[in-house]
Amino acid sequence: MSGKRRSYEAGHRPKFMVVIDKTPECARAVHFASRRAARTGASMVMLGIVDPPDDFEWIGVGEAMIEEASAQAEKLLDEAAREARNAAGVEPEQVIRVGNRADEIIKLINEDEDISFLVLAAGSSKEGPGPLVSTLAGRAAASFPIPIVVVPGGLTDEEIDALAG
């Protein structure tokens, strides 16, 4: 469990955290979080998570796979940061981690006492809201260390702007 949140203490500033991935709804979460951050005077942190490779006999192969995946994550983070700047003039912090998605989200929240909200977007496909929303906003929500904001994936920029400020 995370320690005390310090977002509103002197010398601290609340952060909206968004997990950046290749899903179409990710842009909805970025747009909402950047607009809310700008409106409330908060900042934003974007997390890109690289799945660790399976066990390999040749260590160099796994390292090369992590490097390639990290480069892709960095590209996605740069694109998302550009969206945050365009939507609301917010310059987000960018973090890349290697590991299990849920574990890395919790680790970053535990390490950064200014993270106040996790913003996720729900997918609008027949498969459901998506694995992160299902896991974090579903079963784990009761014990999660910060509020989780779930943005409907079907909202337009204009609808998000009306809600987020």
N, C-alpha and C. Protein backbone atom coordinates (compact mmCIF):
# COMPACT_ATOMS: atom_id res chain seq x y z
N MET A 1 0.85 -1.18 0.00
CA MET A 1 0.00 0.00 0.00
C MET A 1 0.90 1.24 0.00
N SER A 2 0.45 2.27 -0.68
CA SER A 2 1.25 3.47 -0.80
C SER A 2 1.21 4.29 0.48
N GLY A 3 2.18 5.19 0.59
CA GLY A 3 2.23 6.09 1.73
C GLY A 3 1.27 7.24 1.52
N LYS A 4 1.36 8.21 2.39
CA LYS A 4 0.49 9.37 2.37
C LYS A 4 0.70 10.16 1.08
N ARG A 5 -0.38 10.59 0.49
CA ARG A 5 -0.33 11.48 -0.67
C ARG A 5 0.02 12.87 -0.18
N ARG A 6 0.90 13.55 -0.90
CA ARG A 6 1.35 14.87 -0.46
C ARG A 6 1.01 15.94 -1.49
N SER A 7 0.16 15.64 -2.43
CA SER A 7 -0.14 16.48 -3.58
C SER A 7 -0.45 17.93 -3.26
N TYR A 8 -1.11 18.18 -2.16
CA TYR A 8 -1.56 19.54 -1.87
C TYR A 8 -0.77 20.20 -0.75
N GLU A 9 0.33 19.59 -0.35
CA GLU A 9 1.19 20.21 0.65
C GLU A 9 2.12 21.21 -0.03
N ALA A 10 2.68 22.12 0.76
CA ALA A 10 3.62 23.11 0.22
C ALA A 10 4.77 22.40 -0.49
N GLY A 11 5.11 22.89 -1.67
CA GLY A 11 6.20 22.31 -2.44
C GLY A 11 5.78 21.12 -3.28
N HIS A 12 4.52 20.77 -3.26
CA HIS A 12 4.01 19.63 -4.03
C HIS A 12 2.90 20.10 -4.96
N ARG A 13 2.63 19.28 -5.94
CA ARG A 13 1.58 19.60 -6.91
C ARG A 13 0.92 18.29 -7.34
N PRO A 14 -0.41 18.23 -7.35
CA PRO A 14 -1.06 16.98 -7.73
C PRO A 14 -0.74 16.60 -9.18
N LYS A 15 -0.71 15.29 -9.41
CA LYS A 15 -0.45 14.77 -10.76
C LYS A 15 -1.56 13.83 -11.18
N PHE A 16 -1.94 13.96 -12.44
CA PHE A 16 -2.82 13.00 -13.07
C PHE A 16 -1.91 12.01 -13.81
N MET A 17 -2.11 10.74 -13.57
CA MET A 17 -1.29 9.71 -14.22
C MET A 17 -2.10 9.01 -15.30
N VAL A 18 -1.49 8.84 -16.47
CA VAL A 18 -2.12 8.14 -17.58
C VAL A 18 -1.17 7.05 -18.06
N VAL A 19 -1.71 5.87 -18.29
CA VAL A 19 -0.93 4.77 -18.85
C VAL A 19 -1.06 4.86 -20.37
N ILE A 20 0.08 4.94 -21.03
CA ILE A 20 0.09 5.11 -22.49
C ILE A 20 0.31 3.76 -23.16
N ASP A 21 -0.57 3.45 -24.10
CA ASP A 21 -0.43 2.21 -24.87
C ASP A 21 -0.96 2.42 -26.28
N LYS A 22 -1.07 1.35 -27.04
CA LYS A 22 -1.48 1.44 -28.45
C LYS A 22 -2.99 1.43 -28.64
N THR A 23 -3.75 1.34 -27.57
CA THR A 23 -5.20 1.23 -27.73
C THR A 23 -5.79 2.55 -28.24
N PRO A 24 -6.87 2.47 -29.02
CA PRO A 24 -7.48 3.70 -29.54
C PRO A 24 -8.03 4.59 -28.44
N GLU A 25 -8.50 4.00 -27.35
CA GLU A 25 -9.09 4.80 -26.28
C GLU A 25 -8.05 5.55 -25.44
N CYS A 26 -6.79 5.20 -25.57
CA CYS A 26 -5.74 5.87 -24.79
C CYS A 26 -5.77 7.39 -25.02
N ALA A 27 -6.04 7.81 -26.24
CA ALA A 27 -6.11 9.25 -26.55
C ALA A 27 -7.20 9.95 -25.75
N ARG A 28 -8.27 9.23 -25.41
CA ARG A 28 -9.36 9.80 -24.61
C ARG A 28 -8.85 10.10 -23.21
N ALA A 29 -8.10 9.17 -22.63
CA ALA A 29 -7.55 9.37 -21.29
C ALA A 29 -6.56 10.54 -21.29
N VAL A 30 -5.72 10.62 -22.31
CA VAL A 30 -4.74 11.71 -22.40
C VAL A 30 -5.46 13.06 -22.50
N HIS A 31 -6.47 13.12 -23.34
CA HIS A 31 -7.18 14.39 -23.53
C HIS A 31 -7.85 14.82 -22.22
N PHE A 32 -8.54 13.89 -21.57
CA PHE A 32 -9.21 14.22 -20.32
C PHE A 32 -8.20 14.66 -19.26
N ALA A 33 -7.15 13.87 -19.06
CA ALA A 33 -6.17 14.17 -18.00
C ALA A 33 -5.47 15.50 -18.26
N SER A 34 -5.13 15.78 -19.50
CA SER A 34 -4.43 17.04 -19.79
C SER A 34 -5.36 18.23 -19.55
N ARG A 35 -6.62 18.11 -19.93
CA ARG A 35 -7.58 19.19 -19.70
C ARG A 35 -7.82 19.40 -18.21
N ARG A 36 -7.97 18.31 -17.45
CA ARG A 36 -8.18 18.44 -16.01
C ARG A 36 -6.93 19.01 -15.33
N ALA A 37 -5.77 18.55 -15.75
CA ALA A 37 -4.52 19.06 -15.17
C ALA A 37 -4.41 20.57 -15.39
N ALA A 38 -4.67 21.00 -16.61
CA ALA A 38 -4.58 22.43 -16.91
C ALA A 38 -5.62 23.22 -16.10
N ARG A 39 -6.82 22.70 -16.02
CA ARG A 39 -7.92 23.38 -15.32
C ARG A 39 -7.67 23.50 -13.82
N THR A 40 -7.04 22.49 -13.24
CA THR A 40 -6.86 22.47 -11.78
C THR A 40 -5.46 22.89 -11.34
N GLY A 41 -4.59 23.21 -12.29
CA GLY A 41 -3.23 23.60 -11.92
C GLY A 41 -2.36 22.41 -11.53
N ALA A 42 -2.78 21.24 -11.92
CA ALA A 42 -2.02 20.02 -11.62
C ALA A 42 -1.00 19.76 -12.73
N SER A 43 -0.23 18.73 -12.56
CA SER A 43 0.68 18.29 -13.62
C SER A 43 0.26 16.89 -14.04
N MET A 44 1.05 16.32 -14.91
CA MET A 44 0.66 15.05 -15.51
C MET A 44 1.88 14.16 -15.65
N VAL A 45 1.69 12.87 -15.41
CA VAL A 45 2.76 11.90 -15.65
C VAL A 45 2.18 10.81 -16.55
N MET A 46 2.95 10.49 -17.58
CA MET A 46 2.55 9.44 -18.53
C MET A 46 3.48 8.26 -18.35
N LEU A 47 2.87 7.08 -18.23
CA LEU A 47 3.63 5.86 -17.99
C LEU A 47 3.51 4.93 -19.18
N GLY A 48 4.64 4.58 -19.76
CA GLY A 48 4.70 3.56 -20.81
C GLY A 48 5.29 2.30 -20.19
N ILE A 49 4.63 1.17 -20.40
CA ILE A 49 5.08 -0.07 -19.78
C ILE A 49 5.46 -1.07 -20.86
N VAL A 50 6.68 -1.59 -20.73
CA VAL A 50 7.21 -2.58 -21.66
C VAL A 50 7.09 -3.95 -21.00
N ASP A 51 6.46 -4.88 -21.71
CA ASP A 51 6.37 -6.25 -21.19
C ASP A 51 7.75 -6.88 -21.22
N PRO A 52 8.16 -7.52 -20.13
CA PRO A 52 9.47 -8.18 -20.14
C PRO A 52 9.41 -9.39 -21.08
N PRO A 53 10.53 -9.70 -21.73
CA PRO A 53 10.52 -10.88 -22.60
C PRO A 53 10.43 -12.15 -21.77
N ASP A 54 9.96 -13.20 -22.41
CA ASP A 54 9.96 -14.50 -21.76
C ASP A 54 11.41 -14.90 -21.52
N ASP A 55 11.61 -15.91 -20.71
CA ASP A 55 12.97 -16.38 -20.45
C ASP A 55 13.63 -16.83 -21.75
N PHE A 56 14.83 -16.35 -21.99
CA PHE A 56 15.58 -16.72 -23.17
C PHE A 56 16.91 -17.33 -22.76
N GLU A 57 17.37 -18.27 -23.57
CA GLU A 57 18.69 -18.83 -23.31
C GLU A 57 19.77 -17.80 -23.56
N TRP A 58 19.54 -16.94 -24.56
CA TRP A 58 20.54 -15.93 -24.90
C TRP A 58 20.10 -14.60 -24.32
N ILE A 59 20.84 -14.13 -23.36
CA ILE A 59 20.47 -12.90 -22.67
C ILE A 59 20.41 -11.72 -23.63
N GLY A 60 21.29 -11.66 -24.59
CA GLY A 60 21.32 -10.54 -25.53
C GLY A 60 20.04 -10.39 -26.31
N VAL A 61 19.37 -11.49 -26.62
CA VAL A 61 18.11 -11.43 -27.37
C VAL A 61 17.05 -10.72 -26.54
N GLY A 62 16.93 -11.08 -25.28
CA GLY A 62 15.97 -10.43 -24.40
C GLY A 62 16.25 -8.96 -24.23
N GLU A 63 17.53 -8.60 -24.09
CA GLU A 63 17.91 -7.19 -23.95
C GLU A 63 17.55 -6.40 -25.21
N ALA A 64 17.79 -7.01 -26.37
CA ALA A 64 17.46 -6.35 -27.64
C ALA A 64 15.95 -6.15 -27.76
N MET A 65 15.18 -7.14 -27.31
CA MET A 65 13.73 -7.02 -27.35
C MET A 65 13.24 -5.89 -26.43
N ILE A 66 13.85 -5.77 -25.26
CA ILE A 66 13.48 -4.69 -24.34
C ILE A 66 13.83 -3.34 -24.93
N GLU A 67 15.01 -3.23 -25.54
CA GLU A 67 15.42 -1.97 -26.17
C GLU A 67 14.45 -1.56 -27.27
N GLU A 68 14.07 -2.52 -28.11
CA GLU A 68 13.14 -2.23 -29.20
C GLU A 68 11.77 -1.82 -28.66
N ALA A 69 11.28 -2.53 -27.68
CA ALA A 69 9.98 -2.21 -27.09
C ALA A 69 10.03 -0.87 -26.36
N SER A 70 11.16 -0.56 -25.73
CA SER A 70 11.31 0.73 -25.04
C SER A 70 11.31 1.88 -26.04
N ALA A 71 11.94 1.68 -27.19
CA ALA A 71 11.95 2.71 -28.24
C ALA A 71 10.52 2.96 -28.73
N GLN A 72 9.76 1.89 -28.90
CA GLN A 72 8.36 2.02 -29.31
C GLN A 72 7.55 2.74 -28.24
N ALA A 73 7.77 2.39 -26.97
CA ALA A 73 7.06 3.06 -25.87
C ALA A 73 7.41 4.54 -25.83
N GLU A 74 8.67 4.86 -26.06
CA GLU A 74 9.09 6.27 -26.07
C GLU A 74 8.38 7.04 -27.19
N LYS A 75 8.25 6.41 -28.34
CA LYS A 75 7.54 7.04 -29.46
C LYS A 75 6.07 7.30 -29.09
N LEU A 76 5.42 6.30 -28.48
CA LEU A 76 4.03 6.47 -28.04
C LEU A 76 3.91 7.59 -27.00
N LEU A 77 4.86 7.64 -26.06
CA LEU A 77 4.85 8.69 -25.04
C LEU A 77 5.02 10.08 -25.67
N ASP A 78 5.92 10.18 -26.66
CA ASP A 78 6.13 11.46 -27.34
C ASP A 78 4.86 11.92 -28.06
N GLU A 79 4.17 10.98 -28.71
CA GLU A 79 2.92 11.31 -29.40
C GLU A 79 1.85 11.75 -28.39
N ALA A 80 1.76 11.05 -27.29
CA ALA A 80 0.78 11.39 -26.26
C ALA A 80 1.11 12.74 -25.62
N ALA A 81 2.38 13.01 -25.41
CA ALA A 81 2.80 14.30 -24.84
C ALA A 81 2.44 15.44 -25.80
N ARG A 82 2.60 15.20 -27.08
CA ARG A 82 2.22 16.21 -28.08
C ARG A 82 0.71 16.49 -28.00
N GLU A 83 -0.09 15.44 -27.82
CA GLU A 83 -1.54 15.61 -27.66
C GLU A 83 -1.86 16.42 -26.41
N ALA A 84 -1.16 16.16 -25.31
CA ALA A 84 -1.40 16.91 -24.06
C ALA A 84 -1.04 18.39 -24.24
N ARG A 85 0.06 18.65 -24.93
CA ARG A 85 0.45 20.05 -25.20
C ARG A 85 -0.60 20.73 -26.07
N ASN A 86 -1.04 20.04 -27.13
CA ASN A 86 -2.02 20.62 -28.05
C ASN A 86 -3.38 20.82 -27.39
N ALA A 87 -3.80 19.88 -26.57
CA ALA A 87 -5.13 19.93 -25.94
C ALA A 87 -5.21 20.97 -24.84
N ALA A 88 -4.12 21.12 -24.08
CA ALA A 88 -4.24 21.96 -22.89
C ALA A 88 -2.96 22.69 -22.48
N GLY A 89 -1.92 22.63 -23.30
CA GLY A 89 -0.68 23.30 -22.94
C GLY A 89 0.06 22.65 -21.78
N VAL A 90 -0.21 21.38 -21.53
CA VAL A 90 0.41 20.65 -20.42
C VAL A 90 1.66 19.93 -20.92
N GLU A 91 2.75 20.05 -20.17
CA GLU A 91 3.99 19.34 -20.49
C GLU A 91 4.14 18.18 -19.52
N PRO A 92 3.81 16.96 -19.95
CA PRO A 92 3.82 15.83 -19.03
C PRO A 92 5.21 15.25 -18.79
N GLU A 93 5.37 14.70 -17.62
CA GLU A 93 6.54 13.90 -17.30
C GLU A 93 6.34 12.55 -18.00
N GLN A 94 7.41 11.96 -18.52
CA GLN A 94 7.30 10.68 -19.22
C GLN A 94 8.17 9.64 -18.53
N VAL A 95 7.57 8.47 -18.26
CA VAL A 95 8.25 7.39 -17.55
C VAL A 95 8.06 6.10 -18.33
N ILE A 96 9.14 5.33 -18.49
CA ILE A 96 9.04 4.00 -19.10
C ILE A 96 9.50 2.99 -18.07
N ARG A 97 8.71 1.93 -17.91
CA ARG A 97 9.05 0.85 -17.00
C ARG A 97 8.95 -0.48 -17.74
N VAL A 98 9.72 -1.46 -17.28
CA VAL A 98 9.67 -2.82 -17.80
C VAL A 98 9.10 -3.71 -16.71
N GLY A 99 8.01 -4.41 -17.03
CA GLY A 99 7.42 -5.31 -16.04
C GLY A 99 5.95 -5.53 -16.27
N ASN A 100 5.31 -6.14 -15.30
CA ASN A 100 3.87 -6.38 -15.32
C ASN A 100 3.15 -5.05 -15.21
N ARG A 101 2.14 -4.84 -16.05
CA ARG A 101 1.45 -3.55 -16.12
C ARG A 101 0.90 -3.10 -14.77
N ALA A 102 0.10 -3.92 -14.14
CA ALA A 102 -0.52 -3.54 -12.86
C ALA A 102 0.55 -3.27 -11.80
N ASP A 103 1.57 -4.12 -11.76
CA ASP A 103 2.64 -3.94 -10.77
C ASP A 103 3.38 -2.62 -10.97
N GLU A 104 3.69 -2.29 -12.22
CA GLU A 104 4.44 -1.07 -12.51
C GLU A 104 3.62 0.18 -12.22
N ILE A 105 2.32 0.11 -12.43
CA ILE A 105 1.44 1.24 -12.10
C ILE A 105 1.48 1.48 -10.59
N ILE A 106 1.31 0.43 -9.82
CA ILE A 106 1.34 0.55 -8.36
C ILE A 106 2.70 1.04 -7.87
N LYS A 107 3.78 0.50 -8.45
CA LYS A 107 5.12 0.94 -8.03
C LYS A 107 5.32 2.43 -8.24
N LEU A 108 4.90 2.94 -9.40
CA LEU A 108 5.08 4.37 -9.67
C LEU A 108 4.23 5.21 -8.71
N ILE A 109 3.02 4.78 -8.45
CA ILE A 109 2.16 5.50 -7.50
C ILE A 109 2.82 5.51 -6.12
N ASN A 110 3.38 4.38 -5.72
CA ASN A 110 4.05 4.31 -4.41
C ASN A 110 5.30 5.17 -4.35
N GLU A 111 6.00 5.32 -5.47
CA GLU A 111 7.23 6.11 -5.50
C GLU A 111 6.97 7.61 -5.59
N ASP A 112 5.86 8.01 -6.18
CA ASP A 112 5.58 9.43 -6.41
C ASP A 112 4.36 9.85 -5.59
N GLU A 113 4.60 10.46 -4.45
CA GLU A 113 3.52 10.80 -3.53
C GLU A 113 2.63 11.94 -4.03
N ASP A 114 2.97 12.52 -5.20
CA ASP A 114 2.14 13.58 -5.77
C ASP A 114 1.09 13.05 -6.76
N ILE A 115 1.19 11.79 -7.14
CA ILE A 115 0.19 11.23 -8.05
C ILE A 115 -1.12 11.11 -7.28
N SER A 116 -2.14 11.80 -7.79
CA SER A 116 -3.42 11.88 -7.08
C SER A 116 -4.54 11.09 -7.75
N PHE A 117 -4.44 10.93 -9.09
CA PHE A 117 -5.49 10.25 -9.84
C PHE A 117 -4.86 9.42 -10.94
N LEU A 118 -5.41 8.24 -11.16
CA LEU A 118 -5.06 7.42 -12.32
C LEU A 118 -6.21 7.58 -13.30
N VAL A 119 -5.90 8.02 -14.52
CA VAL A 119 -6.92 8.21 -15.54
C VAL A 119 -6.77 7.11 -16.59
N LEU A 120 -7.83 6.34 -16.75
CA LEU A 120 -7.89 5.28 -17.75
C LEU A 120 -9.07 5.56 -18.67
N ALA A 121 -9.02 5.03 -19.87
CA ALA A 121 -10.17 5.13 -20.77
C ALA A 121 -10.68 3.73 -21.06
N ALA A 122 -12.00 3.60 -21.01
CA ALA A 122 -12.63 2.31 -21.28
C ALA A 122 -12.79 2.13 -22.78
N GLY A 123 -12.46 0.95 -23.25
CA GLY A 123 -12.67 0.63 -24.65
C GLY A 123 -14.16 0.54 -24.93
N SER A 124 -14.53 0.80 -26.17
CA SER A 124 -15.95 0.77 -26.51
C SER A 124 -16.29 -0.41 -27.42
N SER A 125 -15.41 -1.41 -27.43
CA SER A 125 -15.65 -2.58 -28.28
C SER A 125 -16.48 -3.62 -27.54
N LYS A 126 -16.88 -4.65 -28.27
CA LYS A 126 -17.69 -5.73 -27.68
C LYS A 126 -16.90 -6.53 -26.65
N GLU A 127 -15.56 -6.48 -26.71
CA GLU A 127 -14.72 -7.25 -25.78
C GLU A 127 -14.74 -6.70 -24.36
N GLY A 128 -15.31 -5.52 -24.19
CA GLY A 128 -15.38 -4.95 -22.86
C GLY A 128 -14.50 -3.72 -22.72
N PRO A 129 -14.36 -3.22 -21.50
CA PRO A 129 -13.67 -1.95 -21.29
C PRO A 129 -12.15 -2.01 -21.44
N GLY A 130 -11.58 -3.19 -21.51
CA GLY A 130 -10.13 -3.33 -21.62
C GLY A 130 -9.56 -3.95 -20.36
N PRO A 131 -8.39 -4.57 -20.48
CA PRO A 131 -7.84 -5.30 -19.34
C PRO A 131 -7.46 -4.42 -18.15
N LEU A 132 -6.90 -3.24 -18.39
CA LEU A 132 -6.53 -2.38 -17.25
C LEU A 132 -7.75 -1.89 -16.50
N VAL A 133 -8.75 -1.44 -17.24
CA VAL A 133 -9.97 -0.97 -16.59
C VAL A 133 -10.64 -2.11 -15.84
N SER A 134 -10.71 -3.28 -16.46
CA SER A 134 -11.34 -4.43 -15.81
C SER A 134 -10.62 -4.81 -14.53
N THR A 135 -9.30 -4.83 -14.59
CA THR A 135 -8.51 -5.24 -13.43
C THR A 135 -8.47 -4.16 -12.35
N LEU A 136 -8.08 -2.95 -12.71
CA LEU A 136 -7.86 -1.92 -11.71
C LEU A 136 -9.15 -1.28 -11.21
N ALA A 137 -10.06 -0.98 -12.12
CA ALA A 137 -11.30 -0.32 -11.70
C ALA A 137 -12.35 -1.34 -11.26
N GLY A 138 -12.07 -2.60 -11.50
CA GLY A 138 -13.00 -3.65 -11.11
C GLY A 138 -12.61 -4.25 -9.79
N ARG A 139 -11.94 -5.39 -9.87
CA ARG A 139 -11.61 -6.16 -8.66
C ARG A 139 -10.74 -5.39 -7.66
N ALA A 140 -9.77 -4.64 -8.16
CA ALA A 140 -8.79 -4.01 -7.26
C ALA A 140 -9.20 -2.63 -6.77
N ALA A 141 -10.30 -2.09 -7.25
CA ALA A 141 -10.66 -0.71 -6.95
C ALA A 141 -10.78 -0.43 -5.45
N ALA A 142 -11.31 -1.36 -4.70
CA ALA A 142 -11.52 -1.13 -3.27
C ALA A 142 -10.22 -0.93 -2.51
N SER A 143 -9.15 -1.55 -2.97
CA SER A 143 -7.88 -1.44 -2.25
C SER A 143 -6.86 -0.58 -2.99
N PHE A 144 -7.27 0.09 -4.06
CA PHE A 144 -6.33 0.90 -4.84
C PHE A 144 -5.95 2.14 -4.04
N PRO A 145 -4.68 2.61 -4.13
CA PRO A 145 -4.23 3.70 -3.26
C PRO A 145 -4.71 5.10 -3.65
N ILE A 146 -5.22 5.27 -4.87
CA ILE A 146 -5.70 6.58 -5.32
C ILE A 146 -6.99 6.39 -6.13
N PRO A 147 -7.77 7.45 -6.32
CA PRO A 147 -8.96 7.33 -7.16
C PRO A 147 -8.60 7.00 -8.61
N ILE A 148 -9.47 6.22 -9.23
CA ILE A 148 -9.32 5.87 -10.64
C ILE A 148 -10.44 6.55 -11.40
N VAL A 149 -10.08 7.34 -12.39
CA VAL A 149 -11.04 8.01 -13.25
C VAL A 149 -11.12 7.20 -14.54
N VAL A 150 -12.31 6.74 -14.90
CA VAL A 150 -12.49 5.97 -16.12
C VAL A 150 -13.27 6.83 -17.12
N VAL A 151 -12.60 7.17 -18.22
CA VAL A 151 -13.19 8.00 -19.27
C VAL A 151 -13.82 7.07 -20.32
N PRO A 152 -15.09 7.25 -20.64
CA PRO A 152 -15.68 6.42 -21.70
C PRO A 152 -14.94 6.63 -23.02
N GLY A 153 -14.54 5.55 -23.64
CA GLY A 153 -13.75 5.62 -24.87
C GLY A 153 -14.47 6.25 -26.04
N GLY A 154 -15.79 6.32 -26.00
CA GLY A 154 -16.55 6.87 -27.12
C GLY A 154 -16.76 8.37 -27.06
N LEU A 155 -16.27 9.05 -26.02
CA LEU A 155 -16.45 10.50 -25.93
C LEU A 155 -15.58 11.22 -26.96
N THR A 156 -16.11 12.29 -27.51
CA THR A 156 -15.34 13.13 -28.43
C THR A 156 -14.52 14.14 -27.64
N ASP A 157 -13.59 14.81 -28.30
CA ASP A 157 -12.81 15.87 -27.64
C ASP A 157 -13.74 16.94 -27.08
N GLU A 158 -14.75 17.31 -27.84
CA GLU A 158 -15.67 18.35 -27.40
C GLU A 158 -16.43 17.91 -26.14
N GLU A 159 -16.86 16.65 -26.10
CA GLU A 159 -17.57 16.15 -24.93
C GLU A 159 -16.64 16.11 -23.71
N ILE A 160 -15.40 15.69 -23.93
CA ILE A 160 -14.42 15.68 -22.84
C ILE A 160 -14.15 17.10 -22.36
N ASP A 161 -13.99 18.04 -23.29
CA ASP A 161 -13.74 19.43 -22.91
C ASP A 161 -14.87 19.97 -22.05
N ALA A 162 -16.12 19.62 -22.37
CA ALA A 162 -17.25 20.08 -21.59
C ALA A 162 -17.24 19.51 -20.18
N LEU A 163 -16.69 18.30 -20.02
CA LEU A 163 -16.64 17.65 -18.72
C LEU A 163 -15.40 18.03 -17.91
N ALA A 164 -14.29 18.19 -18.59
CA ALA A 164 -13.00 18.36 -17.91
C ALA A 164 -12.59 19.80 -17.72
N GLY A 165 -13.22 20.71 -18.44
CA GLY A 165 -12.88 22.13 -18.29
C GLY A 165 -11.96 22.64 -19.34
